[in-house]
Amino acid sequence: MTRAFAAIFPPPHIAEALSDLVERLRGRCHGVKWVEKENMHLTLRFFGDLSDEQITAAGLCMSELSQQETSFSARMGTVGCFPSVSRARVIWVGVDEGREQLARLAGALDEKFAAAGLGQSDKPFSAHLTVGRVRAPRRNPELEEAIRSLTFPEGEFIIDSLTLTRSELTPKGPIYSPLSVARLRVAE
């Protein structure tokens, strides 16, 4: 069995800018497990453990969808927290422009996964990229002020591929590696 998820990984310049944002937050917010630059991604669907046959099926679903969908522009900008800034458990950067297209893409992919016997997603899609997880959630005025004062102006990029990703959990954190990549058709 392989722990896997479907995702969109931002291009290097966006991952670098997100890493810079994390560094700005790191000095102001303590008790947070920050996401490493190479692990930053927009999750389309988390599967958990998949068999080899299910990995093949998921890759085929993504490949089929990529032949039907075209690449599109997205812009990340809003910095926020789940469930709220005052009770932060997850710190994220949201997709502000291209969110509807991304949600439609995630929905179409989820339909393909369900038709292939991979089940339905257990939660609704949210167009965000997690940058940190609060270890011991509690009221944190420093974090609240930092989040309210930040935006992510460097966040424009083209969404042009879907990646089925292996997630290996280690004591130092997860290690992600691509299982398959499906390129979207180029928009004209």
N, C-alpha and C. Protein backbone atom coordinates (compact mmCIF):
# COMPACT_ATOMS: atom_id res chain seq x y z
N MET A 1 0.85 -1.20 0.00
CA MET A 1 0.00 0.00 0.00
C MET A 1 0.89 1.25 0.00
N THR A 2 0.40 2.23 -0.69
CA THR A 2 1.14 3.49 -0.81
C THR A 2 0.23 4.64 -0.39
N ARG A 3 0.71 5.46 0.53
CA ARG A 3 -0.03 6.66 0.96
C ARG A 3 0.10 7.68 -0.16
N ALA A 4 -1.03 8.19 -0.66
CA ALA A 4 -0.98 9.04 -1.85
C ALA A 4 -2.03 10.14 -1.83
N PHE A 5 -1.76 11.17 -2.65
CA PHE A 5 -2.72 12.25 -2.85
C PHE A 5 -2.53 12.83 -4.25
N ALA A 6 -3.58 13.48 -4.75
CA ALA A 6 -3.52 14.18 -6.02
C ALA A 6 -3.35 15.66 -5.72
N ALA A 7 -2.44 16.31 -6.44
CA ALA A 7 -2.11 17.70 -6.10
C ALA A 7 -1.65 18.49 -7.30
N ILE A 8 -1.58 19.80 -7.07
CA ILE A 8 -0.94 20.72 -7.99
C ILE A 8 0.23 21.33 -7.22
N PHE A 9 1.42 21.17 -7.76
CA PHE A 9 2.61 21.76 -7.15
C PHE A 9 2.90 23.07 -7.87
N PRO A 10 3.09 24.15 -7.11
CA PRO A 10 3.37 25.44 -7.76
C PRO A 10 4.75 25.44 -8.41
N PRO A 11 4.95 26.31 -9.39
CA PRO A 11 6.27 26.40 -10.02
C PRO A 11 7.30 26.91 -9.00
N PRO A 12 8.59 26.70 -9.30
CA PRO A 12 9.65 27.06 -8.34
C PRO A 12 9.59 28.50 -7.82
N HIS A 13 9.28 29.47 -8.68
CA HIS A 13 9.28 30.86 -8.19
C HIS A 13 8.17 31.10 -7.17
N ILE A 14 7.05 30.40 -7.29
CA ILE A 14 5.97 30.53 -6.31
C ILE A 14 6.34 29.80 -5.02
N ALA A 15 6.92 28.61 -5.14
CA ALA A 15 7.37 27.89 -3.94
C ALA A 15 8.41 28.70 -3.18
N GLU A 16 9.29 29.36 -3.90
CA GLU A 16 10.32 30.20 -3.26
C GLU A 16 9.66 31.39 -2.54
N ALA A 17 8.71 32.03 -3.19
CA ALA A 17 8.02 33.16 -2.57
C ALA A 17 7.21 32.70 -1.35
N LEU A 18 6.59 31.52 -1.43
CA LEU A 18 5.87 30.99 -0.27
C LEU A 18 6.84 30.69 0.87
N SER A 19 8.01 30.19 0.54
CA SER A 19 9.03 29.93 1.54
C SER A 19 9.47 31.24 2.21
N ASP A 20 9.58 32.31 1.44
CA ASP A 20 9.91 33.62 2.00
C ASP A 20 8.80 34.09 2.95
N LEU A 21 7.55 33.87 2.56
CA LEU A 21 6.42 34.21 3.43
C LEU A 21 6.50 33.44 4.74
N VAL A 22 6.81 32.15 4.67
CA VAL A 22 6.96 31.33 5.87
C VAL A 22 8.06 31.90 6.76
N GLU A 23 9.15 32.33 6.16
CA GLU A 23 10.24 32.90 6.96
C GLU A 23 9.80 34.17 7.67
N ARG A 24 8.99 34.99 7.01
CA ARG A 24 8.46 36.20 7.67
C ARG A 24 7.55 35.82 8.83
N LEU A 25 6.76 34.77 8.65
CA LEU A 25 5.86 34.34 9.72
C LEU A 25 6.61 33.62 10.84
N ARG A 26 7.62 32.87 10.51
CA ARG A 26 8.36 32.05 11.48
C ARG A 26 8.86 32.89 12.66
N GLY A 27 9.35 34.07 12.38
CA GLY A 27 9.87 34.92 13.44
C GLY A 27 8.79 35.49 14.35
N ARG A 28 7.56 35.52 13.88
CA ARG A 28 6.47 36.12 14.64
C ARG A 28 5.52 35.09 15.25
N CYS A 29 5.58 33.87 14.79
CA CYS A 29 4.61 32.85 15.21
C CYS A 29 5.36 31.61 15.69
N HIS A 30 5.20 31.27 16.95
CA HIS A 30 5.89 30.11 17.51
C HIS A 30 4.91 28.96 17.68
N GLY A 31 5.44 27.75 17.78
CA GLY A 31 4.59 26.57 17.95
C GLY A 31 3.91 26.12 16.68
N VAL A 32 4.55 26.40 15.53
CA VAL A 32 3.97 26.04 14.23
C VAL A 32 4.95 25.11 13.52
N LYS A 33 4.42 24.05 12.93
CA LYS A 33 5.20 23.16 12.06
C LYS A 33 5.02 23.69 10.65
N TRP A 34 6.07 24.30 10.12
CA TRP A 34 5.99 24.93 8.81
C TRP A 34 6.24 23.91 7.70
N VAL A 35 5.56 24.09 6.58
CA VAL A 35 5.71 23.20 5.43
C VAL A 35 7.00 23.58 4.70
N GLU A 36 7.80 22.57 4.37
CA GLU A 36 9.04 22.79 3.63
C GLU A 36 8.71 23.22 2.20
N LYS A 37 9.59 24.03 1.63
CA LYS A 37 9.37 24.58 0.29
C LYS A 37 9.05 23.50 -0.74
N GLU A 38 9.79 22.39 -0.72
CA GLU A 38 9.59 21.34 -1.72
C GLU A 38 8.29 20.56 -1.51
N ASN A 39 7.64 20.74 -0.38
CA ASN A 39 6.39 20.03 -0.09
C ASN A 39 5.14 20.88 -0.30
N MET A 40 5.29 22.13 -0.69
CA MET A 40 4.13 23.01 -0.84
C MET A 40 3.30 22.59 -2.05
N HIS A 41 2.00 22.45 -1.83
CA HIS A 41 1.12 21.98 -2.91
C HIS A 41 -0.33 22.34 -2.59
N LEU A 42 -1.14 22.34 -3.63
CA LEU A 42 -2.60 22.47 -3.51
C LEU A 42 -3.16 21.06 -3.60
N THR A 43 -3.77 20.58 -2.54
CA THR A 43 -4.32 19.23 -2.54
C THR A 43 -5.64 19.20 -3.30
N LEU A 44 -5.73 18.32 -4.27
CA LEU A 44 -6.98 18.10 -5.00
C LEU A 44 -7.77 16.98 -4.34
N ARG A 45 -7.05 15.95 -3.88
CA ARG A 45 -7.71 14.81 -3.22
C ARG A 45 -6.69 14.02 -2.43
N PHE A 46 -6.95 13.82 -1.16
CA PHE A 46 -6.11 12.95 -0.34
C PHE A 46 -6.76 11.57 -0.33
N PHE A 47 -5.97 10.55 -0.64
CA PHE A 47 -6.50 9.20 -0.69
C PHE A 47 -6.22 8.39 0.57
N GLY A 48 -5.06 8.57 1.16
CA GLY A 48 -4.60 7.63 2.18
C GLY A 48 -3.89 6.50 1.47
N ASP A 49 -4.01 5.29 1.99
CA ASP A 49 -3.31 4.14 1.40
C ASP A 49 -4.03 3.61 0.17
N LEU A 50 -3.27 3.43 -0.91
CA LEU A 50 -3.79 2.87 -2.16
C LEU A 50 -2.97 1.65 -2.55
N SER A 51 -3.65 0.67 -3.14
CA SER A 51 -2.96 -0.49 -3.71
C SER A 51 -2.32 -0.09 -5.04
N ASP A 52 -1.49 -0.96 -5.58
CA ASP A 52 -0.89 -0.69 -6.89
C ASP A 52 -1.95 -0.50 -7.96
N GLU A 53 -3.01 -1.32 -7.91
CA GLU A 53 -4.10 -1.19 -8.89
C GLU A 53 -4.81 0.15 -8.75
N GLN A 54 -5.02 0.59 -7.53
CA GLN A 54 -5.69 1.88 -7.30
C GLN A 54 -4.80 3.04 -7.75
N ILE A 55 -3.50 2.91 -7.56
CA ILE A 55 -2.58 3.95 -8.03
C ILE A 55 -2.66 4.06 -9.55
N THR A 56 -2.68 2.92 -10.23
CA THR A 56 -2.83 2.91 -11.68
C THR A 56 -4.14 3.56 -12.09
N ALA A 57 -5.23 3.21 -11.42
CA ALA A 57 -6.54 3.79 -11.73
C ALA A 57 -6.56 5.30 -11.51
N ALA A 58 -5.98 5.76 -10.41
CA ALA A 58 -5.95 7.20 -10.13
C ALA A 58 -5.14 7.94 -11.19
N GLY A 59 -4.01 7.37 -11.57
CA GLY A 59 -3.19 7.98 -12.62
C GLY A 59 -3.93 8.06 -13.94
N LEU A 60 -4.68 7.02 -14.28
CA LEU A 60 -5.47 7.03 -15.52
C LEU A 60 -6.56 8.09 -15.47
N CYS A 61 -7.21 8.23 -14.33
CA CYS A 61 -8.25 9.27 -14.17
C CYS A 61 -7.65 10.65 -14.41
N MET A 62 -6.49 10.90 -13.84
CA MET A 62 -5.85 12.19 -13.99
C MET A 62 -5.42 12.42 -15.44
N SER A 63 -4.91 11.38 -16.09
CA SER A 63 -4.50 11.48 -17.48
C SER A 63 -5.70 11.77 -18.39
N GLU A 64 -6.81 11.06 -18.17
CA GLU A 64 -8.02 11.29 -18.96
C GLU A 64 -8.51 12.72 -18.80
N LEU A 65 -8.55 13.19 -17.56
CA LEU A 65 -9.04 14.55 -17.31
C LEU A 65 -8.11 15.58 -17.95
N SER A 66 -6.81 15.34 -17.89
CA SER A 66 -5.86 16.31 -18.44
C SER A 66 -6.02 16.48 -19.94
N GLN A 67 -6.52 15.46 -20.62
CA GLN A 67 -6.75 15.56 -22.06
C GLN A 67 -8.01 16.37 -22.38
N GLN A 68 -8.87 16.54 -21.38
CA GLN A 68 -10.12 17.28 -21.58
C GLN A 68 -10.02 18.73 -21.09
N GLU A 69 -9.08 19.00 -20.20
CA GLU A 69 -8.99 20.32 -19.56
C GLU A 69 -7.79 21.10 -20.07
N THR A 70 -7.91 22.43 -20.08
CA THR A 70 -6.80 23.28 -20.49
C THR A 70 -6.18 23.97 -19.27
N SER A 71 -4.93 24.36 -19.44
CA SER A 71 -4.23 25.09 -18.38
C SER A 71 -4.93 26.43 -18.16
N PHE A 72 -4.74 27.00 -16.98
CA PHE A 72 -5.35 28.29 -16.67
C PHE A 72 -4.51 29.03 -15.64
N SER A 73 -4.75 30.32 -15.59
CA SER A 73 -4.02 31.20 -14.68
C SER A 73 -4.70 31.21 -13.32
N ALA A 74 -3.89 31.25 -12.28
CA ALA A 74 -4.39 31.37 -10.91
C ALA A 74 -3.54 32.39 -10.18
N ARG A 75 -4.13 32.99 -9.19
CA ARG A 75 -3.39 33.93 -8.33
C ARG A 75 -3.71 33.62 -6.89
N MET A 76 -2.64 33.41 -6.13
CA MET A 76 -2.77 33.21 -4.69
C MET A 76 -2.53 34.56 -4.03
N GLY A 77 -3.20 34.81 -2.89
CA GLY A 77 -2.99 36.11 -2.25
C GLY A 77 -3.40 36.17 -0.80
N THR A 78 -4.60 35.72 -0.51
CA THR A 78 -5.11 35.83 0.85
C THR A 78 -4.39 34.85 1.77
N VAL A 79 -3.97 35.34 2.93
CA VAL A 79 -3.38 34.48 3.95
C VAL A 79 -4.42 34.34 5.05
N GLY A 80 -4.68 33.10 5.48
CA GLY A 80 -5.71 32.88 6.48
C GLY A 80 -5.45 31.64 7.31
N CYS A 81 -6.43 31.29 8.13
CA CYS A 81 -6.30 30.15 9.04
C CYS A 81 -7.61 29.37 9.09
N PHE A 82 -7.49 28.08 9.31
CA PHE A 82 -8.64 27.22 9.61
C PHE A 82 -8.56 26.85 11.08
N PRO A 83 -9.62 26.77 11.84
CA PRO A 83 -10.97 27.18 11.45
C PRO A 83 -11.15 28.69 11.45
N SER A 84 -10.30 29.43 12.19
CA SER A 84 -10.35 30.89 12.20
C SER A 84 -9.00 31.41 12.69
N VAL A 85 -8.78 32.71 12.50
CA VAL A 85 -7.51 33.30 12.93
C VAL A 85 -7.36 33.20 14.45
N SER A 86 -8.45 33.33 15.18
CA SER A 86 -8.35 33.30 16.64
C SER A 86 -8.21 31.88 17.21
N ARG A 87 -8.52 30.86 16.39
CA ARG A 87 -8.36 29.47 16.84
C ARG A 87 -7.60 28.67 15.78
N ALA A 88 -6.51 29.23 15.31
CA ALA A 88 -5.78 28.67 14.18
C ALA A 88 -5.24 27.28 14.44
N ARG A 89 -5.52 26.38 13.52
CA ARG A 89 -4.92 25.05 13.49
C ARG A 89 -4.07 24.89 12.23
N VAL A 90 -4.53 25.51 11.15
CA VAL A 90 -3.83 25.45 9.85
C VAL A 90 -3.68 26.88 9.32
N ILE A 91 -2.48 27.21 8.87
CA ILE A 91 -2.21 28.50 8.24
C ILE A 91 -2.07 28.25 6.74
N TRP A 92 -2.77 29.03 5.94
CA TRP A 92 -2.82 28.76 4.52
C TRP A 92 -2.73 30.04 3.69
N VAL A 93 -2.45 29.83 2.39
CA VAL A 93 -2.53 30.90 1.39
C VAL A 93 -3.59 30.44 0.39
N GLY A 94 -4.57 31.29 0.16
CA GLY A 94 -5.69 30.91 -0.69
C GLY A 94 -5.52 31.29 -2.15
N VAL A 95 -6.26 30.58 -2.99
CA VAL A 95 -6.32 30.91 -4.42
C VAL A 95 -7.45 31.93 -4.57
N ASP A 96 -7.10 33.15 -4.95
CA ASP A 96 -8.08 34.23 -5.08
C ASP A 96 -8.66 34.30 -6.50
N GLU A 97 -7.80 34.19 -7.50
CA GLU A 97 -8.25 34.20 -8.89
C GLU A 97 -8.01 32.83 -9.49
N GLY A 98 -8.99 32.33 -10.22
CA GLY A 98 -8.91 30.98 -10.77
C GLY A 98 -9.51 29.95 -9.83
N ARG A 99 -10.07 30.41 -8.73
CA ARG A 99 -10.64 29.50 -7.72
C ARG A 99 -11.79 28.67 -8.29
N GLU A 100 -12.66 29.32 -9.09
CA GLU A 100 -13.80 28.59 -9.64
C GLU A 100 -13.34 27.51 -10.61
N GLN A 101 -12.35 27.85 -11.46
CA GLN A 101 -11.82 26.85 -12.39
C GLN A 101 -11.15 25.71 -11.63
N LEU A 102 -10.43 26.04 -10.59
CA LEU A 102 -9.76 25.03 -9.78
C LEU A 102 -10.78 24.13 -9.09
N ALA A 103 -11.83 24.72 -8.55
CA ALA A 103 -12.88 23.92 -7.89
C ALA A 103 -13.58 23.02 -8.90
N ARG A 104 -13.83 23.53 -10.10
CA ARG A 104 -14.47 22.72 -11.15
C ARG A 104 -13.55 21.56 -11.54
N LEU A 105 -12.25 21.84 -11.68
CA LEU A 105 -11.27 20.80 -12.01
C LEU A 105 -11.24 19.73 -10.92
N ALA A 106 -11.19 20.16 -9.66
CA ALA A 106 -11.17 19.21 -8.54
C ALA A 106 -12.45 18.38 -8.51
N GLY A 107 -13.60 19.01 -8.79
CA GLY A 107 -14.87 18.28 -8.82
C GLY A 107 -14.92 17.25 -9.93
N ALA A 108 -14.45 17.64 -11.13
CA ALA A 108 -14.43 16.70 -12.26
C ALA A 108 -13.49 15.54 -11.98
N LEU A 109 -12.37 15.83 -11.35
CA LEU A 109 -11.42 14.78 -11.00
C LEU A 109 -12.02 13.84 -9.96
N ASP A 110 -12.71 14.40 -8.98
CA ASP A 110 -13.35 13.57 -7.96
C ASP A 110 -14.40 12.65 -8.56
N GLU A 111 -15.14 13.15 -9.55
CA GLU A 111 -16.14 12.30 -10.24
C GLU A 111 -15.45 11.13 -10.95
N LYS A 112 -14.33 11.41 -11.60
CA LYS A 112 -13.59 10.34 -12.28
C LYS A 112 -13.06 9.33 -11.26
N PHE A 113 -12.54 9.82 -10.14
CA PHE A 113 -12.04 8.91 -9.10
C PHE A 113 -13.17 8.03 -8.58
N ALA A 114 -14.35 8.61 -8.34
CA ALA A 114 -15.48 7.84 -7.84
C ALA A 114 -15.91 6.78 -8.85
N ALA A 115 -15.97 7.16 -10.14
CA ALA A 115 -16.36 6.22 -11.18
C ALA A 115 -15.36 5.07 -11.32
N ALA A 116 -14.10 5.32 -10.94
CA ALA A 116 -13.06 4.29 -11.02
C ALA A 116 -12.99 3.44 -9.75
N GLY A 117 -13.94 3.67 -8.84
CA GLY A 117 -13.98 2.88 -7.62
C GLY A 117 -13.07 3.37 -6.50
N LEU A 118 -12.64 4.64 -6.60
CA LEU A 118 -11.75 5.20 -5.58
C LEU A 118 -12.50 6.02 -4.53
N GLY A 119 -13.82 5.94 -4.53
CA GLY A 119 -14.63 6.61 -3.52
C GLY A 119 -14.76 8.11 -3.76
N GLN A 120 -15.57 8.72 -2.92
CA GLN A 120 -15.79 10.16 -2.94
C GLN A 120 -14.84 10.82 -1.95
N SER A 121 -14.56 12.09 -2.19
CA SER A 121 -13.77 12.85 -1.24
C SER A 121 -14.54 12.95 0.07
N ASP A 122 -13.82 12.91 1.19
CA ASP A 122 -14.49 12.96 2.49
C ASP A 122 -14.77 14.38 2.97
N LYS A 123 -14.28 15.40 2.23
CA LYS A 123 -14.60 16.78 2.57
C LYS A 123 -14.63 17.64 1.33
N PRO A 124 -15.35 18.76 1.38
CA PRO A 124 -15.44 19.61 0.20
C PRO A 124 -14.08 20.22 -0.16
N PHE A 125 -13.89 20.47 -1.44
CA PHE A 125 -12.64 21.06 -1.91
C PHE A 125 -12.51 22.49 -1.41
N SER A 126 -11.30 22.86 -1.00
CA SER A 126 -11.00 24.23 -0.58
C SER A 126 -9.72 24.65 -1.29
N ALA A 127 -9.79 25.73 -2.05
CA ALA A 127 -8.66 26.17 -2.88
C ALA A 127 -7.63 26.92 -2.03
N HIS A 128 -6.78 26.15 -1.37
CA HIS A 128 -5.76 26.74 -0.50
C HIS A 128 -4.50 25.88 -0.49
N LEU A 129 -3.41 26.48 -0.09
CA LEU A 129 -2.15 25.79 0.07
C LEU A 129 -1.72 25.96 1.53
N THR A 130 -1.58 24.86 2.24
CA THR A 130 -1.19 24.90 3.65
C THR A 130 0.29 25.26 3.76
N VAL A 131 0.60 26.27 4.60
CA VAL A 131 2.01 26.63 4.83
C VAL A 131 2.46 26.28 6.25
N GLY A 132 1.50 26.03 7.16
CA GLY A 132 1.88 25.68 8.53
C GLY A 132 0.74 25.06 9.30
N ARG A 133 1.10 24.24 10.29
CA ARG A 133 0.13 23.62 11.18
C ARG A 133 0.50 23.98 12.61
N VAL A 134 -0.47 24.52 13.33
CA VAL A 134 -0.23 24.95 14.71
C VAL A 134 -0.21 23.71 15.59
N ARG A 135 0.88 23.55 16.35
CA ARG A 135 1.06 22.34 17.16
C ARG A 135 0.10 22.28 18.33
N ALA A 136 -0.08 23.40 19.03
CA ALA A 136 -0.98 23.43 20.19
C ALA A 136 -1.90 24.64 20.02
N PRO A 137 -3.01 24.44 19.29
CA PRO A 137 -3.89 25.58 19.00
C PRO A 137 -4.39 26.25 20.28
N ARG A 138 -4.22 27.55 20.30
CA ARG A 138 -4.71 28.39 21.39
C ARG A 138 -4.71 29.83 20.89
N ARG A 139 -5.31 30.70 21.61
CA ARG A 139 -5.34 32.12 21.22
C ARG A 139 -3.91 32.62 21.15
N ASN A 140 -3.54 33.24 20.03
CA ASN A 140 -2.17 33.70 19.83
C ASN A 140 -2.22 35.08 19.14
N PRO A 141 -2.21 36.16 19.94
CA PRO A 141 -2.31 37.50 19.36
C PRO A 141 -1.22 37.82 18.34
N GLU A 142 0.01 37.31 18.54
CA GLU A 142 1.09 37.52 17.56
C GLU A 142 0.72 36.94 16.21
N LEU A 143 0.22 35.70 16.23
CA LEU A 143 -0.19 35.03 15.00
C LEU A 143 -1.35 35.77 14.35
N GLU A 144 -2.34 36.15 15.14
CA GLU A 144 -3.50 36.86 14.61
C GLU A 144 -3.08 38.15 13.90
N GLU A 145 -2.20 38.94 14.54
CA GLU A 145 -1.75 40.18 13.93
C GLU A 145 -0.94 39.91 12.67
N ALA A 146 -0.05 38.92 12.71
CA ALA A 146 0.76 38.58 11.55
C ALA A 146 -0.12 38.17 10.37
N ILE A 147 -1.10 37.33 10.62
CA ILE A 147 -1.97 36.84 9.53
C ILE A 147 -2.80 37.98 8.96
N ARG A 148 -3.35 38.80 9.82
CA ARG A 148 -4.20 39.90 9.35
C ARG A 148 -3.41 40.93 8.55
N SER A 149 -2.11 41.03 8.77
CA SER A 149 -1.30 42.06 8.10
C SER A 149 -0.64 41.56 6.82
N LEU A 150 -0.77 40.28 6.50
CA LEU A 150 -0.06 39.72 5.36
C LEU A 150 -0.94 39.45 4.16
N THR A 151 -0.35 39.63 3.00
CA THR A 151 -0.91 39.12 1.74
C THR A 151 0.26 38.47 1.00
N PHE A 152 -0.06 37.82 -0.08
CA PHE A 152 0.96 37.13 -0.87
C PHE A 152 0.91 37.68 -2.29
N PRO A 153 1.59 38.81 -2.56
CA PRO A 153 1.46 39.48 -3.85
C PRO A 153 2.15 38.77 -5.02
N GLU A 154 3.05 37.83 -4.73
CA GLU A 154 3.82 37.17 -5.79
C GLU A 154 3.10 35.96 -6.37
N GLY A 155 1.83 35.77 -6.08
CA GLY A 155 1.17 34.50 -6.29
C GLY A 155 0.58 34.13 -7.62
N GLU A 156 0.96 34.77 -8.73
CA GLU A 156 0.35 34.40 -10.01
C GLU A 156 1.16 33.32 -10.73
N PHE A 157 0.45 32.30 -11.21
CA PHE A 157 1.11 31.22 -11.95
C PHE A 157 0.09 30.49 -12.81
N ILE A 158 0.58 29.63 -13.69
CA ILE A 158 -0.28 28.84 -14.57
C ILE A 158 -0.43 27.44 -13.99
N ILE A 159 -1.66 26.99 -13.85
CA ILE A 159 -1.93 25.61 -13.44
C ILE A 159 -1.96 24.79 -14.71
N ASP A 160 -0.95 23.92 -14.85
CA ASP A 160 -0.82 23.18 -16.11
C ASP A 160 -0.57 21.68 -15.93
N SER A 161 -0.54 21.22 -14.68
CA SER A 161 -0.33 19.78 -14.48
C SER A 161 -0.93 19.31 -13.16
N LEU A 162 -1.24 18.02 -13.13
CA LEU A 162 -1.78 17.35 -11.95
C LEU A 162 -0.78 16.25 -11.59
N THR A 163 -0.49 16.12 -10.30
CA THR A 163 0.51 15.14 -9.89
C THR A 163 -0.08 14.18 -8.86
N LEU A 164 -0.01 12.90 -9.16
CA LEU A 164 -0.32 11.86 -8.19
C LEU A 164 0.95 11.67 -7.39
N THR A 165 0.86 11.83 -6.07
CA THR A 165 2.04 11.94 -5.22
C THR A 165 2.05 10.91 -4.12
N ARG A 166 3.22 10.27 -3.94
CA ARG A 166 3.45 9.37 -2.80
C ARG A 166 3.84 10.23 -1.60
N SER A 167 3.29 9.90 -0.43
CA SER A 167 3.63 10.58 0.80
C SER A 167 4.20 9.56 1.78
N GLU A 168 5.50 9.67 2.03
CA GLU A 168 6.15 8.77 2.98
C GLU A 168 6.38 9.55 4.28
N LEU A 169 5.77 9.08 5.36
CA LEU A 169 5.91 9.76 6.64
C LEU A 169 7.20 9.32 7.31
N THR A 170 8.00 10.30 7.75
CA THR A 170 9.25 10.01 8.44
C THR A 170 9.29 10.87 9.71
N PRO A 171 10.18 10.55 10.65
CA PRO A 171 10.30 11.37 11.87
C PRO A 171 10.66 12.83 11.58
N LYS A 172 11.32 13.08 10.46
CA LYS A 172 11.70 14.45 10.11
C LYS A 172 10.62 15.18 9.30
N GLY A 173 9.56 14.49 8.99
CA GLY A 173 8.48 15.07 8.19
C GLY A 173 8.22 14.24 6.96
N PRO A 174 7.17 14.58 6.22
CA PRO A 174 6.82 13.79 5.04
C PRO A 174 7.81 14.01 3.89
N ILE A 175 7.98 12.95 3.12
CA ILE A 175 8.76 13.03 1.88
C ILE A 175 7.79 12.73 0.75
N TYR A 176 7.67 13.68 -0.18
CA TYR A 176 6.76 13.53 -1.31
C TYR A 176 7.55 13.17 -2.56
N SER A 177 7.00 12.25 -3.35
CA SER A 177 7.60 11.92 -4.64
C SER A 177 6.49 11.65 -5.64
N PRO A 178 6.68 12.11 -6.88
CA PRO A 178 5.63 11.93 -7.89
C PRO A 178 5.49 10.47 -8.31
N LEU A 179 4.25 10.02 -8.41
CA LEU A 179 3.95 8.70 -8.95
C LEU A 179 3.61 8.82 -10.43
N SER A 180 2.89 9.90 -10.79
CA SER A 180 2.59 10.20 -12.19
C SER A 180 2.23 11.67 -12.31
N VAL A 181 2.46 12.22 -13.49
CA VAL A 181 2.15 13.63 -13.77
C VAL A 181 1.30 13.67 -15.03
N ALA A 182 0.19 14.39 -14.98
CA ALA A 182 -0.69 14.55 -16.13
C ALA A 182 -0.70 16.03 -16.51
N ARG A 183 -0.26 16.34 -17.72
CA ARG A 183 -0.19 17.73 -18.18
C ARG A 183 -1.51 18.14 -18.83
N LEU A 184 -2.04 19.27 -18.40
CA LEU A 184 -3.25 19.82 -19.00
C LEU A 184 -2.93 20.34 -20.40
N ARG A 185 -3.94 20.37 -21.26
CA ARG A 185 -3.76 20.93 -22.60
C ARG A 185 -3.40 22.41 -22.46
N VAL A 186 -2.61 22.92 -23.38
CA VAL A 186 -2.21 24.32 -23.33
C VAL A 186 -3.37 25.19 -23.80
N ALA A 187 -3.69 26.20 -22.99
CA ALA A 187 -4.77 27.13 -23.35
C ALA A 187 -4.33 27.97 -24.54
N GLU A 188 -5.26 28.23 -25.43
CA GLU A 188 -4.93 29.03 -26.63
C GLU A 188 -5.24 30.47 -26.41
